[in-house]
Amino acid sequence: MQYLLLIYENEEIFGGPDKMGPIMADLGPRHFAFSHELGEKMHAGAGLKGTEAATTVRTTGGKQTIHDGPFAETREQLGGFYLVEAEDLDQAIAIARKVPLGKDGAIEVRPLLPMPPGLAPKR
């Protein structure tokens, strides 16, 4: 089963929207090593630019509006993700516990719904 590991951290520690602050000198190599360790269990993964680069498309009552920034206004923001293969939730949690974080942060573990037959893209 596939799980999405959503990485939430206080983006202020990263030093701007491109996340090139000093903490990345520590976290960057740790993420590369973690990705390598996952091997074929990792389907995708990426860091996200800061909230200054985010745009939200909201639909309310059938009408769409565009807003600068993310939906949530909290200290912890979605900063990256890994899409991994795991046998079950326990294995997905074990993988999530190894995701490199700064001093504070959270990893949300979310199972993906299977794609209905015939709708999945052919590889």
PDB file of N, CA and C in Angstrom:
ATOM      1  N   MET A   1       0.845  -1.177   0.000  1.00  0.00           N
ATOM      2  CA  MET A   1       0.000   0.000   0.000  1.00  0.00           C
ATOM      3  C   MET A   1       0.891   1.241   0.000  1.00  0.00           C
ATOM      4  N   GLN A   2       0.421   2.286  -0.648  1.00  0.00           N
ATOM      5  CA  GLN A   2       1.190   3.531  -0.692  1.00  0.00           C
ATOM      6  C   GLN A   2       0.725   4.486   0.410  1.00  0.00           C
ATOM      7  N   TYR A   3       1.702   5.172   0.988  1.00  0.00           N
ATOM      8  CA  TYR A   3       1.447   6.161   2.038  1.00  0.00           C
ATOM      9  C   TYR A   3       2.155   7.459   1.668  1.00  0.00           C
ATOM     10  N   LEU A   4       1.491   8.564   1.956  1.00  0.00           N
ATOM     11  CA  LEU A   4       2.093   9.874   1.777  1.00  0.00           C
ATOM     12  C   LEU A   4       2.574  10.342   3.144  1.00  0.00           C
ATOM     13  N   LEU A   5       3.846  10.655   3.242  1.00  0.00           N
ATOM     14  CA  LEU A   5       4.420  11.185   4.469  1.00  0.00           C
ATOM     15  C   LEU A   5       4.563  12.685   4.275  1.00  0.00           C
ATOM     16  N   LEU A   6       3.737  13.449   4.965  1.00  0.00           N
ATOM     17  CA  LEU A   6       3.713  14.906   4.825  1.00  0.00           C
ATOM     18  C   LEU A   6       4.563  15.523   5.931  1.00  0.00           C
ATOM     19  N   ILE A   7       5.529  16.335   5.548  1.00  0.00           N
ATOM     20  CA  ILE A   7       6.492  16.909   6.483  1.00  0.00           C
ATOM     21  C   ILE A   7       6.062  18.328   6.845  1.00  0.00           C
ATOM     22  N   TYR A   8       5.800  18.556   8.133  1.00  0.00           N
ATOM     23  CA  TYR A   8       5.417  19.874   8.631  1.00  0.00           C
ATOM     24  C   TYR A   8       6.502  20.387   9.565  1.00  0.00           C
ATOM     25  N   GLU A   9       6.975  21.603   9.287  1.00  0.00           N
ATOM     26  CA  GLU A   9       7.974  22.232  10.145  1.00  0.00           C
ATOM     27  C   GLU A   9       7.744  23.737  10.171  1.00  0.00           C
ATOM     28  N   ASN A  10       8.340  24.380  11.157  1.00  0.00           N
ATOM     29  CA  ASN A  10       8.304  25.836  11.227  1.00  0.00           C
ATOM     30  C   ASN A  10       9.240  26.361  10.141  1.00  0.00           C
ATOM     31  N   GLU A  11       8.651  26.945   9.100  1.00  0.00           N
ATOM     32  CA  GLU A  11       9.469  27.330   7.946  1.00  0.00           C
ATOM     33  C   GLU A  11      10.423  28.480   8.237  1.00  0.00           C
ATOM     34  N   GLU A  12      10.254  29.176   9.350  1.00  0.00           N
ATOM     35  CA  GLU A  12      11.158  30.280   9.679  1.00  0.00           C
ATOM     36  C   GLU A  12      12.596  29.803   9.862  1.00  0.00           C
ATOM     37  N   ILE A  13      12.774  28.543  10.225  1.00  0.00           N
ATOM     38  CA  ILE A  13      14.133  28.044  10.465  1.00  0.00           C
ATOM     39  C   ILE A  13      14.920  27.839   9.177  1.00  0.00           C
ATOM     40  N   PHE A  14      14.249  27.883   8.031  1.00  0.00           N
ATOM     41  CA  PHE A  14      14.912  27.559   6.772  1.00  0.00           C
ATOM     42  C   PHE A  14      15.535  28.756   6.066  1.00  0.00           C
ATOM     43  N   GLY A  15      15.268  29.961   6.506  1.00  0.00           N
ATOM     44  CA  GLY A  15      15.944  31.121   5.936  1.00  0.00           C
ATOM     45  C   GLY A  15      15.424  31.585   4.597  1.00  0.00           C
ATOM     46  N   GLY A  16      14.108  31.553   4.385  1.00  0.00           N
ATOM     47  CA  GLY A  16      13.526  32.087   3.157  1.00  0.00           C
ATOM     48  C   GLY A  16      12.843  31.032   2.323  1.00  0.00           C
ATOM     49  N   PRO A  17      12.140  31.488   1.262  1.00  0.00           N
ATOM     50  CA  PRO A  17      11.316  30.577   0.464  1.00  0.00           C
ATOM     51  C   PRO A  17      12.099  29.496  -0.275  1.00  0.00           C
ATOM     52  N   ASP A  18      13.376  29.750  -0.571  1.00  0.00           N
ATOM     53  CA  ASP A  18      14.171  28.741  -1.274  1.00  0.00           C
ATOM     54  C   ASP A  18      14.885  27.788  -0.318  1.00  0.00           C
ATOM     55  N   LYS A  19      14.703  28.003   0.975  1.00  0.00           N
ATOM     56  CA  LYS A  19      15.217  27.110   2.022  1.00  0.00           C
ATOM     57  C   LYS A  19      16.723  26.891   1.915  1.00  0.00           C
ATOM     58  N   MET A  20      17.458  27.968   1.753  1.00  0.00           N
ATOM     59  CA  MET A  20      18.906  27.848   1.619  1.00  0.00           C
ATOM     60  C   MET A  20      19.631  28.299   2.885  1.00  0.00           C
ATOM     61  N   GLY A  21      18.921  28.363   4.014  1.00  0.00           N
ATOM     62  CA  GLY A  21      19.542  28.757   5.273  1.00  0.00           C
ATOM     63  C   GLY A  21      20.493  27.687   5.794  1.00  0.00           C
ATOM     64  N   PRO A  22      21.189  27.982   6.879  1.00  0.00           N
ATOM     65  CA  PRO A  22      22.202  27.070   7.415  1.00  0.00           C
ATOM     66  C   PRO A  22      21.663  25.691   7.807  1.00  0.00           C
ATOM     67  N   ILE A  23      20.407  25.606   8.211  1.00  0.00           N
ATOM     68  CA  ILE A  23      19.880  24.305   8.633  1.00  0.00           C
ATOM     69  C   ILE A  23      19.870  23.301   7.484  1.00  0.00           C
ATOM     70  N   MET A  24      19.759  23.790   6.243  1.00  0.00           N
ATOM     71  CA  MET A  24      19.750  22.868   5.104  1.00  0.00           C
ATOM     72  C   MET A  24      21.116  22.213   4.892  1.00  0.00           C
ATOM     73  N   ALA A  25      22.177  22.848   5.388  1.00  0.00           N
ATOM     74  CA  ALA A  25      23.493  22.216   5.309  1.00  0.00           C
ATOM     75  C   ALA A  25      23.498  20.917   6.113  1.00  0.00           C
ATOM     76  N   ASP A  26      22.662  20.848   7.145  1.00  0.00           N
ATOM     77  CA  ASP A  26      22.512  19.641   7.950  1.00  0.00           C
ATOM     78  C   ASP A  26      21.425  18.729   7.388  1.00  0.00           C
ATOM     79  N   LEU A  27      20.247  19.290   7.115  1.00  0.00           N
ATOM     80  CA  LEU A  27      19.098  18.473   6.710  1.00  0.00           C
ATOM     81  C   LEU A  27      19.203  17.937   5.283  1.00  0.00           C
ATOM     82  N   GLY A  28      19.751  18.709   4.368  1.00  0.00           N
ATOM     83  CA  GLY A  28      19.832  18.278   2.970  1.00  0.00           C
ATOM     84  C   GLY A  28      20.514  16.922   2.811  1.00  0.00           C
ATOM     85  N   PRO A  29      21.743  16.770   3.305  1.00  0.00           N
ATOM     86  CA  PRO A  29      22.412  15.471   3.183  1.00  0.00           C
ATOM     87  C   PRO A  29      21.665  14.346   3.906  1.00  0.00           C
ATOM     88  N   ARG A  30      21.001  14.670   5.008  1.00  0.00           N
ATOM     89  CA  ARG A  30      20.234  13.647   5.734  1.00  0.00           C
ATOM     90  C   ARG A  30      19.045  13.173   4.896  1.00  0.00           C
ATOM     91  N   HIS A  31      18.395  14.100   4.174  1.00  0.00           N
ATOM     92  CA  HIS A  31      17.282  13.705   3.299  1.00  0.00           C
ATOM     93  C   HIS A  31      17.784  12.858   2.125  1.00  0.00           C
ATOM     94  N   PHE A  32      18.922  13.225   1.546  1.00  0.00           N
ATOM     95  CA  PHE A  32      19.478  12.423   0.448  1.00  0.00           C
ATOM     96  C   PHE A  32      19.808  11.010   0.929  1.00  0.00           C
ATOM     97  N   ALA A  33      20.395  10.899   2.122  1.00  0.00           N
ATOM     98  CA  ALA A  33      20.726   9.584   2.675  1.00  0.00           C
ATOM     99  C   ALA A  33      19.456   8.779   2.960  1.00  0.00           C
ATOM    100  N   PHE A  34      18.430   9.448   3.498  1.00  0.00           N
ATOM    101  CA  PHE A  34      17.158   8.779   3.785  1.00  0.00           C
ATOM    102  C   PHE A  34      16.522   8.277   2.492  1.00  0.00           C
ATOM    103  N   SER A  35      16.530   9.100   1.454  1.00  0.00           N
ATOM    104  CA  SER A  35      15.974   8.697   0.157  1.00  0.00           C
ATOM    105  C   SER A  35      16.708   7.476  -0.384  1.00  0.00           C
ATOM    106  N   HIS A  36      18.019   7.484  -0.259  1.00  0.00           N
ATOM    107  CA  HIS A  36      18.823   6.351  -0.725  1.00  0.00           C
ATOM    108  C   HIS A  36      18.492   5.099   0.087  1.00  0.00           C
ATOM    109  N   GLU A  37      18.326   5.248   1.395  1.00  0.00           N
ATOM    110  CA  GLU A  37      17.984   4.119   2.269  1.00  0.00           C
ATOM    111  C   GLU A  37      16.629   3.512   1.884  1.00  0.00           C
ATOM    112  N   LEU A  38      15.667   4.356   1.515  1.00  0.00           N
ATOM    113  CA  LEU A  38      14.343   3.857   1.139  1.00  0.00           C
ATOM    114  C   LEU A  38      14.392   3.019  -0.133  1.00  0.00           C
ATOM    115  N   GLY A  39      15.285   3.360  -1.039  1.00  0.00           N
ATOM    116  CA  GLY A  39      15.419   2.603  -2.282  1.00  0.00           C
ATOM    117  C   GLY A  39      14.105   2.518  -3.040  1.00  0.00           C
ATOM    118  N   GLU A  40      13.701   1.296  -3.400  1.00  0.00           N
ATOM    119  CA  GLU A  40      12.497   1.097  -4.206  1.00  0.00           C
ATOM    120  C   GLU A  40      11.203   1.342  -3.433  1.00  0.00           C
ATOM    121  N   LYS A  41      11.283   1.468  -2.103  1.00  0.00           N
ATOM    122  CA  LYS A  41      10.075   1.785  -1.323  1.00  0.00           C
ATOM    123  C   LYS A  41       9.625   3.227  -1.558  1.00  0.00           C
ATOM    124  N   MET A  42      10.534   4.064  -2.051  1.00  0.00           N
ATOM    125  CA  MET A  42      10.205   5.469  -2.299  1.00  0.00           C
ATOM    126  C   MET A  42       9.739   5.635  -3.741  1.00  0.00           C
ATOM    127  N   HIS A  43       8.510   6.114  -3.907  1.00  0.00           N
ATOM    128  CA  HIS A  43       7.967   6.372  -5.244  1.00  0.00           C
ATOM    129  C   HIS A  43       8.222   7.814  -5.678  1.00  0.00           C
ATOM    130  N   ALA A  44       8.226   8.732  -4.718  1.00  0.00           N
ATOM    131  CA  ALA A  44       8.447  10.153  -5.023  1.00  0.00           C
ATOM    132  C   ALA A  44       8.767  10.872  -3.722  1.00  0.00           C
ATOM    133  N   GLY A  45       9.301  12.053  -3.851  1.00  0.00           N
ATOM    134  CA  GLY A  45       9.570  12.889  -2.693  1.00  0.00           C
ATOM    135  C   GLY A  45      10.137  14.210  -3.160  1.00  0.00           C
ATOM    136  N   ALA A  46       9.853  15.256  -2.409  1.00  0.00           N
ATOM    137  CA  ALA A  46      10.377  16.579  -2.756  1.00  0.00           C
ATOM    138  C   ALA A  46      10.168  17.529  -1.595  1.00  0.00           C
ATOM    139  N   GLY A  47      11.030  18.524  -1.532  1.00  0.00           N
ATOM    140  CA  GLY A  47      10.810  19.643  -0.639  1.00  0.00           C
ATOM    141  C   GLY A  47       9.965  20.673  -1.364  1.00  0.00           C
ATOM    142  N   LEU A  48       9.255  21.472  -0.603  1.00  0.00           N
ATOM    143  CA  LEU A  48       8.421  22.520  -1.187  1.00  0.00           C
ATOM    144  C   LEU A  48       9.010  23.881  -0.866  1.00  0.00           C
ATOM    145  N   LYS A  49       8.868  24.819  -1.787  1.00  0.00           N
ATOM    146  CA  LYS A  49       9.271  26.195  -1.498  1.00  0.00           C
ATOM    147  C   LYS A  49       8.404  26.724  -0.364  1.00  0.00           C
ATOM    148  N   GLY A  50       8.831  27.816   0.240  1.00  0.00           N
ATOM    149  CA  GLY A  50       8.116  28.393   1.372  1.00  0.00           C
ATOM    150  C   GLY A  50       6.736  28.925   1.006  1.00  0.00           C
ATOM    151  N   THR A  51       5.971  29.287   2.030  1.00  0.00           N
ATOM    152  CA  THR A  51       4.595  29.737   1.827  1.00  0.00           C
ATOM    153  C   THR A  51       4.508  31.021   1.013  1.00  0.00           C
ATOM    154  N   GLU A  52       5.606  31.789   0.944  1.00  0.00           N
ATOM    155  CA  GLU A  52       5.589  33.002   0.122  1.00  0.00           C
ATOM    156  C   GLU A  52       5.355  32.664  -1.344  1.00  0.00           C
ATOM    157  N   ALA A  53       5.695  31.439  -1.742  1.00  0.00           N
ATOM    158  CA  ALA A  53       5.540  31.015  -3.133  1.00  0.00           C
ATOM    159  C   ALA A  53       4.223  30.281  -3.375  1.00  0.00           C
ATOM    160  N   ALA A  54       3.415  30.110  -2.327  1.00  0.00           N
ATOM    161  CA  ALA A  54       2.175  29.325  -2.448  1.00  0.00           C
ATOM    162  C   ALA A  54       1.008  30.167  -2.948  1.00  0.00           C
ATOM    163  N   THR A  55       0.113  29.519  -3.663  1.00  0.00           N
ATOM    164  CA  THR A  55      -1.153  30.107  -4.106  1.00  0.00           C
ATOM    165  C   THR A  55      -2.240  29.082  -3.826  1.00  0.00           C
ATOM    166  N   THR A  56      -3.380  29.537  -3.320  1.00  0.00           N
ATOM    167  CA  THR A  56      -4.498  28.646  -3.024  1.00  0.00           C
ATOM    168  C   THR A  56      -5.658  28.964  -3.952  1.00  0.00           C
ATOM    169  N   VAL A  57      -6.210  27.946  -4.599  1.00  0.00           N
ATOM    170  CA  VAL A  57      -7.424  28.081  -5.408  1.00  0.00           C
ATOM    171  C   VAL A  57      -8.555  27.516  -4.555  1.00  0.00           C
ATOM    172  N   ARG A  58      -9.491  28.364  -4.163  1.00  0.00           N
ATOM    173  CA  ARG A  58     -10.579  27.961  -3.276  1.00  0.00           C
ATOM    174  C   ARG A  58     -11.900  28.018  -4.033  1.00  0.00           C
ATOM    175  N   THR A  59     -12.723  26.974  -3.843  1.00  0.00           N
ATOM    176  CA  THR A  59     -14.064  26.949  -4.416  1.00  0.00           C
ATOM    177  C   THR A  59     -15.069  27.021  -3.277  1.00  0.00           C
ATOM    178  N   THR A  60     -15.918  28.024  -3.313  1.00  0.00           N
ATOM    179  CA  THR A  60     -16.968  28.209  -2.317  1.00  0.00           C
ATOM    180  C   THR A  60     -18.261  28.489  -3.055  1.00  0.00           C
ATOM    181  N   GLY A  61     -19.266  27.671  -2.809  1.00  0.00           N
ATOM    182  CA  GLY A  61     -20.543  27.862  -3.491  1.00  0.00           C
ATOM    183  C   GLY A  61     -20.419  27.772  -5.000  1.00  0.00           C
ATOM    184  N   GLY A  62     -19.478  26.973  -5.487  1.00  0.00           N
ATOM    185  CA  GLY A  62     -19.296  26.806  -6.926  1.00  0.00           C
ATOM    186  C   GLY A  62     -18.453  27.888  -7.582  1.00  0.00           C
ATOM    187  N   LYS A  63     -18.010  28.892  -6.823  1.00  0.00           N
ATOM    188  CA  LYS A  63     -17.183  29.970  -7.377  1.00  0.00           C
ATOM    189  C   LYS A  63     -15.756  29.826  -6.879  1.00  0.00           C
ATOM    190  N   GLN A  64     -14.824  30.036  -7.802  1.00  0.00           N
ATOM    191  CA  GLN A  64     -13.419  29.923  -7.441  1.00  0.00           C
ATOM    192  C   GLN A  64     -12.799  31.288  -7.204  1.00  0.00           C
ATOM    193  N   THR A  65     -11.937  31.341  -6.192  1.00  0.00           N
ATOM    194  CA  THR A  65     -11.144  32.535  -5.912  1.00  0.00           C
ATOM    195  C   THR A  65      -9.690  32.099  -5.736  1.00  0.00           C
ATOM    196  N   ILE A  66      -8.796  33.021  -6.019  1.00  0.00           N
ATOM    197  CA  ILE A  66      -7.364  32.761  -5.917  1.00  0.00           C
ATOM    198  C   ILE A  66      -6.822  33.592  -4.758  1.00  0.00           C
ATOM    199  N   HIS A  67      -6.013  32.961  -3.903  1.00  0.00           N
ATOM    200  CA  HIS A  67      -5.437  33.638  -2.737  1.00  0.00           C
ATOM    201  C   HIS A  67      -3.936  33.383  -2.688  1.00  0.00           C
ATOM    202  N   ASP A  68      -3.181  34.398  -2.311  1.00  0.00           N
ATOM    203  CA  ASP A  68      -1.754  34.211  -2.077  1.00  0.00           C
ATOM    204  C   ASP A  68      -1.574  33.424  -0.793  1.00  0.00           C
ATOM    205  N   GLY A  69      -0.591  32.546  -0.792  1.00  0.00           N
ATOM    206  CA  GLY A  69      -0.256  31.803   0.411  1.00  0.00           C
ATOM    207  C   GLY A  69      -1.050  30.520   0.572  1.00  0.00           C
ATOM    208  N   PRO A  70      -0.713  29.769   1.628  1.00  0.00           N
ATOM    209  CA  PRO A  70      -1.405  28.513   1.900  1.00  0.00           C
ATOM    210  C   PRO A  70      -2.716  28.770   2.624  1.00  0.00           C
ATOM    211  N   PHE A  71      -3.526  27.719   2.744  1.00  0.00           N
ATOM    212  CA  PHE A  71      -4.801  27.829   3.452  1.00  0.00           C
ATOM    213  C   PHE A  71      -4.569  28.058   4.938  1.00  0.00           C
ATOM    214  N   ALA A  72      -3.698  27.270   5.543  1.00  0.00           N
ATOM    215  CA  ALA A  72      -3.497  27.314   6.994  1.00  0.00           C
ATOM    216  C   ALA A  72      -2.569  28.458   7.380  1.00  0.00           C
ATOM    217  N   GLU A  73      -2.913  29.131   8.448  1.00  0.00           N
ATOM    218  CA  GLU A  73      -2.042  30.168   8.993  1.00  0.00           C
ATOM    219  C   GLU A  73      -1.550  29.695  10.351  1.00  0.00           C
ATOM    220  N   THR A  74      -0.617  28.773  10.327  1.00  0.00           N
ATOM    221  CA  THR A  74      -0.032  28.231  11.543  1.00  0.00           C
ATOM    222  C   THR A  74       1.476  28.297  11.416  1.00  0.00           C
ATOM    223  N   ARG A  75       2.166  28.083  12.521  1.00  0.00           N
ATOM    224  CA  ARG A  75       3.633  28.102  12.483  1.00  0.00           C
ATOM    225  C   ARG A  75       4.176  26.942  11.671  1.00  0.00           C
ATOM    226  N   GLU A  76       3.592  25.755  11.856  1.00  0.00           N
ATOM    227  CA  GLU A  76       4.057  24.600  11.092  1.00  0.00           C
ATOM    228  C   GLU A  76       3.373  24.576   9.736  1.00  0.00           C
ATOM    229  N   GLN A  77       4.166  24.529   8.696  1.00  0.00           N
ATOM    230  CA  GLN A  77       3.655  24.509   7.334  1.00  0.00           C
ATOM    231  C   GLN A  77       4.139  23.252   6.628  1.00  0.00           C
ATOM    232  N   LEU A  78       3.389  22.840   5.617  1.00  0.00           N
ATOM    233  CA  LEU A  78       3.796  21.705   4.796  1.00  0.00           C
ATOM    234  C   LEU A  78       5.066  22.093   4.047  1.00  0.00           C
ATOM    235  N   GLY A  79       6.133  21.355   4.288  1.00  0.00           N
ATOM    236  CA  GLY A  79       7.411  21.713   3.691  1.00  0.00           C
ATOM    237  C   GLY A  79       7.968  20.691   2.725  1.00  0.00           C
ATOM    238  N   GLY A  80       7.351  19.507   2.692  1.00  0.00           N
ATOM    239  CA  GLY A  80       7.836  18.476   1.791  1.00  0.00           C
ATOM    240  C   GLY A  80       7.045  17.197   1.980  1.00  0.00           C
ATOM    241  N   PHE A  81       7.400  16.190   1.195  1.00  0.00           N
ATOM    242  CA  PHE A  81       6.671  14.924   1.274  1.00  0.00           C
ATOM    243  C   PHE A  81       7.529  13.784   0.751  1.00  0.00           C
ATOM    244  N   TYR A  82       7.147  12.601   1.144  1.00  0.00           N
ATOM    245  CA  TYR A  82       7.644  11.357   0.562  1.00  0.00           C
ATOM    246  C   TYR A  82       6.431  10.501   0.247  1.00  0.00           C
ATOM    247  N   LEU A  83       6.426   9.866  -0.902  1.00  0.00           N
ATOM    248  CA  LEU A  83       5.419   8.874  -1.259  1.00  0.00           C
ATOM    249  C   LEU A  83       6.126   7.529  -1.192  1.00  0.00           C
ATOM    250  N   VAL A  84       5.687   6.684  -0.236  1.00  0.00           N
ATOM    251  CA  VAL A  84       6.398   5.432   0.017  1.00  0.00           C
ATOM    252  C   VAL A  84       5.468   4.231  -0.070  1.00  0.00           C
ATOM    253  N   GLU A  85       6.074   3.086  -0.265  1.00  0.00           N
ATOM    254  CA  GLU A  85       5.373   1.805  -0.253  1.00  0.00           C
ATOM    255  C   GLU A  85       5.632   1.161   1.103  1.00  0.00           C
ATOM    256  N   ALA A  86       4.568   0.713   1.773  1.00  0.00           N
ATOM    257  CA  ALA A  86       4.698   0.030   3.059  1.00  0.00           C
ATOM    258  C   ALA A  86       3.661  -1.083   3.134  1.00  0.00           C
ATOM    259  N   GLU A  87       3.988  -2.122   3.884  1.00  0.00           N
ATOM    260  CA  GLU A  87       3.068  -3.253   4.016  1.00  0.00           C
ATOM    261  C   GLU A  87       1.795  -2.867   4.763  1.00  0.00           C
ATOM    262  N   ASP A  88       1.942  -1.975   5.759  1.00  0.00           N
ATOM    263  CA  ASP A  88       0.799  -1.574   6.574  1.00  0.00           C
ATOM    264  C   ASP A  88       1.137  -0.263   7.283  1.00  0.00           C
ATOM    265  N   LEU A  89       0.186   0.229   8.085  1.00  0.00           N
ATOM    266  CA  LEU A  89       0.386   1.502   8.782  1.00  0.00           C
ATOM    267  C   LEU A  89       1.583   1.440   9.723  1.00  0.00           C
ATOM    268  N   ASP A  90       1.769   0.322  10.407  1.00  0.00           N
ATOM    269  CA  ASP A  90       2.901   0.208  11.327  1.00  0.00           C
ATOM    270  C   ASP A  90       4.232   0.385  10.602  1.00  0.00           C
ATOM    271  N   GLN A  91       4.364  -0.223   9.431  1.00  0.00           N
ATOM    272  CA  GLN A  91       5.604  -0.061   8.671  1.00  0.00           C
ATOM    273  C   GLN A  91       5.735   1.375   8.160  1.00  0.00           C
ATOM    274  N   ALA A  92       4.629   1.990   7.753  1.00  0.00           N
ATOM    275  CA  ALA A  92       4.667   3.384   7.297  1.00  0.00           C
ATOM    276  C   ALA A  92       5.097   4.309   8.435  1.00  0.00           C
ATOM    277  N   ILE A  93       4.608   4.047   9.638  1.00  0.00           N
ATOM    278  CA  ILE A  93       5.005   4.851  10.802  1.00  0.00           C
ATOM    279  C   ILE A  93       6.489   4.650  11.099  1.00  0.00           C
ATOM    280  N   ALA A  94       6.966   3.420  10.986  1.00  0.00           N
ATOM    281  CA  ALA A  94       8.390   3.153  11.207  1.00  0.00           C
ATOM    282  C   ALA A  94       9.245   3.934  10.210  1.00  0.00           C
ATOM    283  N   ILE A  95       8.799   4.013   8.968  1.00  0.00           N
ATOM    284  CA  ILE A  95       9.514   4.800   7.958  1.00  0.00           C
ATOM    285  C   ILE A  95       9.443   6.285   8.318  1.00  0.00           C
ATOM    286  N   ALA A  96       8.256   6.754   8.706  1.00  0.00           N
ATOM    287  CA  ALA A  96       8.070   8.172   9.043  1.00  0.00           C
ATOM    288  C   ALA A  96       8.960   8.596  10.204  1.00  0.00           C
ATOM    289  N   ARG A  97       9.201   7.713  11.143  1.00  0.00           N
ATOM    290  CA  ARG A  97      10.059   8.035  12.295  1.00  0.00           C
ATOM    291  C   ARG A  97      11.498   8.339  11.873  1.00  0.00           C
ATOM    292  N   LYS A  98      11.882   7.901  10.686  1.00  0.00           N
ATOM    293  CA  LYS A  98      13.247   8.117  10.194  1.00  0.00           C
ATOM    294  C   LYS A  98      13.383   9.363   9.324  1.00  0.00           C
ATOM    295  N   VAL A  99      12.273  10.026   8.994  1.00  0.00           N
ATOM    296  CA  VAL A  99      12.343  11.226   8.148  1.00  0.00           C
ATOM    297  C   VAL A  99      13.126  12.306   8.894  1.00  0.00           C
ATOM    298  N   PRO A 100      14.162  12.867   8.282  1.00  0.00           N
ATOM    299  CA  PRO A 100      14.939  13.915   8.939  1.00  0.00           C
ATOM    300  C   PRO A 100      14.096  15.168   9.195  1.00  0.00           C
ATOM    301  N   LEU A 101      14.186  15.674  10.409  1.00  0.00           N
ATOM    302  CA  LEU A 101      13.503  16.915  10.791  1.00  0.00           C
ATOM    303  C   LEU A 101      14.504  17.835  11.471  1.00  0.00           C
ATOM    304  N   GLY A 102      14.150  19.117  11.521  1.00  0.00           N
ATOM    305  CA  GLY A 102      14.899  20.052  12.336  1.00  0.00           C
ATOM    306  C   GLY A 102      14.580  19.763  13.798  1.00  0.00           C
ATOM    307  N   LYS A 103      14.743  20.758  14.645  1.00  0.00           N
ATOM    308  CA  LYS A 103      14.507  20.586  16.082  1.00  0.00           C
ATOM    309  C   LYS A 103      13.058  20.204  16.390  1.00  0.00           C
ATOM    310  N   ASP A 104      12.122  20.793  15.684  1.00  0.00           N
ATOM    311  CA  ASP A 104      10.697  20.538  15.898  1.00  0.00           C
ATOM    312  C   ASP A 104      10.043  20.252  14.553  1.00  0.00           C
ATOM    313  N   GLY A 105       8.966  19.501  14.579  1.00  0.00           N
ATOM    314  CA  GLY A 105       8.239  19.222  13.351  1.00  0.00           C
ATOM    315  C   GLY A 105       7.341  18.019  13.531  1.00  0.00           C
ATOM    316  N   ALA A 106       6.640  17.671  12.470  1.00  0.00           N
ATOM    317  CA  ALA A 106       5.714  16.547  12.507  1.00  0.00           C
ATOM    318  C   ALA A 106       5.668  15.890  11.135  1.00  0.00           C
ATOM    319  N   ILE A 107       5.410  14.603  11.144  1.00  0.00           N
ATOM    320  CA  ILE A 107       5.205  13.850   9.911  1.00  0.00           C
ATOM    321  C   ILE A 107       3.795  13.284   9.970  1.00  0.00           C
ATOM    322  N   GLU A 108       2.958  13.687   9.038  1.00  0.00           N
ATOM    323  CA  GLU A 108       1.613  13.118   8.923  1.00  0.00           C
ATOM    324  C   GLU A 108       1.695  11.926   7.982  1.00  0.00           C
ATOM    325  N   VAL A 109       1.166  10.786   8.416  1.00  0.00           N
ATOM    326  CA  VAL A 109       1.182   9.557   7.623  1.00  0.00           C
ATOM    327  C   VAL A 109      -0.228   9.332   7.104  1.00  0.00           C
ATOM    328  N   ARG A 110      -0.369   9.339   5.789  1.00  0.00           N
ATOM    329  CA  ARG A 110      -1.707   9.244   5.193  1.00  0.00           C
ATOM    330  C   ARG A 110      -1.723   8.177   4.110  1.00  0.00           C
ATOM    331  N   PRO A 111      -2.602   7.143   4.239  1.00  0.00           N
ATOM    332  CA  PRO A 111      -2.694   6.138   3.183  1.00  0.00           C
ATOM    333  C   PRO A 111      -3.374   6.710   1.948  1.00  0.00           C
ATOM    334  N   LEU A 112      -2.925   6.255   0.783  1.00  0.00           N
ATOM    335  CA  LEU A 112      -3.553   6.678  -0.473  1.00  0.00           C
ATOM    336  C   LEU A 112      -4.712   5.752  -0.800  1.00  0.00           C
ATOM    337  N   LEU A 113      -5.742   6.313  -1.391  1.00  0.00           N
ATOM    338  CA  LEU A 113      -6.831   5.494  -1.915  1.00  0.00           C
ATOM    339  C   LEU A 113      -6.348   4.826  -3.191  1.00  0.00           C
ATOM    340  N   PRO A 114      -6.697   3.563  -3.393  1.00  0.00           N
ATOM    341  CA  PRO A 114      -6.280   2.919  -4.640  1.00  0.00           C
ATOM    342  C   PRO A 114      -7.016   3.526  -5.830  1.00  0.00           C
ATOM    343  N   MET A 115      -6.315   3.602  -6.948  1.00  0.00           N
ATOM    344  CA  MET A 115      -6.903   4.107  -8.187  1.00  0.00           C
ATOM    345  C   MET A 115      -7.856   3.044  -8.731  1.00  0.00           C
ATOM    346  N   PRO A 116      -9.086   3.435  -9.118  1.00  0.00           N
ATOM    347  CA  PRO A 116     -10.010   2.449  -9.698  1.00  0.00           C
ATOM    348  C   PRO A 116      -9.409   1.819 -10.956  1.00  0.00           C
ATOM    349  N   PRO A 117      -9.698   0.529 -11.176  1.00  0.00           N
ATOM    350  CA  PRO A 117      -9.157  -0.140 -12.367  1.00  0.00           C
ATOM    351  C   PRO A 117      -9.503   0.630 -13.641  1.00  0.00           C
ATOM    352  N   GLY A 118      -8.541   0.704 -14.539  1.00  0.00           N
ATOM    353  CA  GLY A 118      -8.756   1.383 -15.809  1.00  0.00           C
ATOM    354  C   GLY A 118      -8.441   2.866 -15.779  1.00  0.00           C
ATOM    355  N   LEU A 119      -8.349   3.472 -14.587  1.00  0.00           N
ATOM    356  CA  LEU A 119      -8.043   4.901 -14.494  1.00  0.00           C
ATOM    357  C   LEU A 119      -6.566   5.170 -14.232  1.00  0.00           C
ATOM    358  N   ALA A 120      -5.868   4.177 -13.724  1.00  0.00           N
ATOM    359  CA  ALA A 120      -4.450   4.367 -13.428  1.00  0.00           C
ATOM    360  C   ALA A 120      -3.673   4.540 -14.732  1.00  0.00           C
ATOM    361  N   PRO A 121      -2.721   5.478 -14.755  1.00  0.00           N
ATOM    362  CA  PRO A 121      -1.919   5.657 -15.972  1.00  0.00           C
ATOM    363  C   PRO A 121      -1.070   4.419 -16.232  1.00  0.00           C
ATOM    364  N   LYS A 122      -0.877   4.120 -17.493  1.00  0.00           N
ATOM    365  CA  LYS A 122      -0.051   2.970 -17.869  1.00  0.00           C
ATOM    366  C   LYS A 122       1.415   3.378 -17.815  1.00  0.00           C
ATOM    367  N   ARG A 123       2.231   2.501 -17.266  1.00  0.00           N
ATOM    368  CA  ARG A 123       3.671   2.790 -17.153  1.00  0.00           C
ATOM    369  C   ARG A 123       4.447   1.969 -18.111  1.00  0.00           C
TER     370      ARG A 123
END
